[in-house]
Protein backbone atom coordinates (compact mmCIF):
# COMPACT_ATOMS: atom_id res chain seq x y z
CA MET A 1 -51.57 -208.91 63.55
CA HIS A 2 -50.75 -212.60 62.24
CA ILE A 3 -51.88 -215.24 64.28
CA VAL A 4 -51.67 -218.93 63.40
CA TYR A 5 -53.55 -221.96 64.77
CA VAL A 6 -52.02 -225.64 64.93
CA VAL A 7 -54.42 -228.13 64.85
CA ASN A 8 -53.91 -231.75 65.17
CA ASP A 9 -57.55 -232.73 63.80
CA ILE A 10 -60.38 -230.76 62.24
CA SER A 11 -62.19 -233.65 60.94
CA HIS A 12 -65.10 -234.04 63.58
CA VAL A 13 -66.09 -230.00 64.36
CA VAL A 14 -67.38 -230.84 68.43
CA GLY A 15 -65.90 -229.29 71.21
CA GLY A 16 -62.97 -227.83 71.38
CA VAL A 17 -62.43 -227.73 67.83
CA ARG A 18 -65.12 -226.10 67.20
CA VAL A 19 -64.33 -223.19 69.42
CA ILE A 20 -61.01 -222.82 67.78
CA LEU A 21 -62.71 -222.41 64.70
CA GLU A 22 -64.93 -219.40 66.11
CA HIS A 23 -62.49 -218.00 68.08
CA ALA A 24 -60.08 -217.93 63.98
CA ASN A 25 -63.77 -216.67 62.48
CA ARG A 26 -64.83 -214.25 64.71
CA LEU A 27 -60.32 -212.81 64.79
CA ALA A 28 -60.77 -212.41 60.98
CA LYS A 29 -64.16 -210.52 61.41
CA ARG A 30 -61.58 -208.17 63.29
CA GLY A 31 -59.46 -207.61 60.68
CA HIS A 32 -55.89 -210.12 61.68
CA LEU A 33 -55.00 -211.91 59.20
CA VAL A 34 -55.61 -215.68 60.75
CA GLU A 35 -54.71 -218.83 59.63
CA LEU A 36 -55.25 -222.46 60.46
CA TRP A 37 -52.41 -225.12 60.17
CA VAL A 38 -52.99 -228.61 59.90
CA ASP A 39 -51.47 -232.23 59.02
CA ASN A 40 -54.56 -233.78 57.48
CA ASN A 41 -58.20 -233.40 56.42
CA LEU A 42 -57.74 -229.62 55.08
CA SER A 43 -61.89 -229.94 54.38
CA LEU A 44 -64.87 -228.72 57.15
CA PRO A 45 -68.06 -230.19 54.86
CA TYR A 46 -70.82 -229.17 57.47
CA PHE A 47 -68.69 -226.02 58.94
CA GLU A 48 -68.66 -222.04 57.65
CA CYS A 49 -64.67 -221.88 58.13
CA THR A 50 -63.66 -218.27 57.02
CA VAL A 51 -60.07 -218.06 57.51
CA PRO A 52 -57.06 -220.25 54.88
CA VAL A 53 -56.81 -224.45 56.31
CA LYS A 54 -53.48 -224.71 55.27
CA ALA A 55 -51.09 -228.39 56.06
CA PHE A 56 -48.39 -227.92 57.67
CA ASP A 57 -45.21 -227.39 55.42
CA LYS A 58 -42.01 -225.96 57.37
CA LYS A 59 -41.09 -224.44 53.76
CA GLN A 60 -44.32 -222.92 52.48
CA LEU A 61 -45.50 -221.51 56.18
CA ASP A 62 -44.87 -218.15 56.55
CA VAL A 63 -43.87 -216.59 60.02
CA PRO A 64 -45.98 -215.54 62.28
CA ASP A 65 -46.99 -212.76 64.83
CA ILE A 66 -48.63 -215.01 67.19
CA VAL A 67 -49.10 -218.90 67.58
CA VAL A 68 -51.50 -220.40 69.12
CA LEU A 69 -50.69 -224.72 70.09
CA THR A 70 -53.83 -225.90 70.42
CA ASP A 71 -52.70 -229.60 71.89
CA GLN A 72 -50.89 -231.04 74.22
CA ALA A 73 -49.03 -233.02 71.18
CA PHE A 74 -47.05 -229.19 71.17
CA LEU A 75 -46.22 -228.88 74.60
CA PRO A 76 -42.10 -229.35 73.92
CA VAL A 77 -42.61 -226.54 71.14
CA ALA A 78 -44.12 -224.04 73.54
CA ALA A 79 -40.19 -223.70 74.86
CA GLU A 80 -38.03 -222.78 71.98
CA PRO A 81 -37.04 -219.24 71.71
CA THR A 82 -36.55 -218.53 67.93
CA TRP A 83 -38.68 -219.38 64.93
CA ASP A 84 -36.58 -221.82 63.30
CA LYS A 85 -36.65 -223.40 66.25
CA THR A 86 -40.18 -223.36 66.89
CA ILE A 87 -41.47 -224.62 62.94
CA ASP A 88 -38.77 -227.70 63.49
CA SER A 89 -40.43 -228.93 67.18
CA LEU A 90 -43.99 -228.82 65.28
CA GLU A 91 -42.79 -230.60 62.42
CA SER A 92 -41.27 -233.30 64.00
CA ALA A 93 -44.53 -233.35 66.45
CA PHE A 94 -46.98 -233.68 63.82
CA ALA A 95 -43.99 -236.52 62.63
CA ALA A 96 -44.35 -237.57 65.76
CA ARG A 97 -48.38 -238.61 65.32
């Protein structure tokens, strides 16, 4: 299964971000294709992340089976009925930050 976590900021691996990374790593270990889509800071210098971290760019991202929205800023995205509208709403949410 292709699972994507949409994350605002991974520059500080504490609390919720650490939990997200643990989930992603463990799902990948179980054989799932897992990615993190972020707006900034693609590097994790002191935490082992076994999944790809990609900059959000709607033209270069594949359609996943599951999208996990990790911040309340992404709540409007959850109501979108189609992938095209979802990806446009994600782009707007990242731009609004």
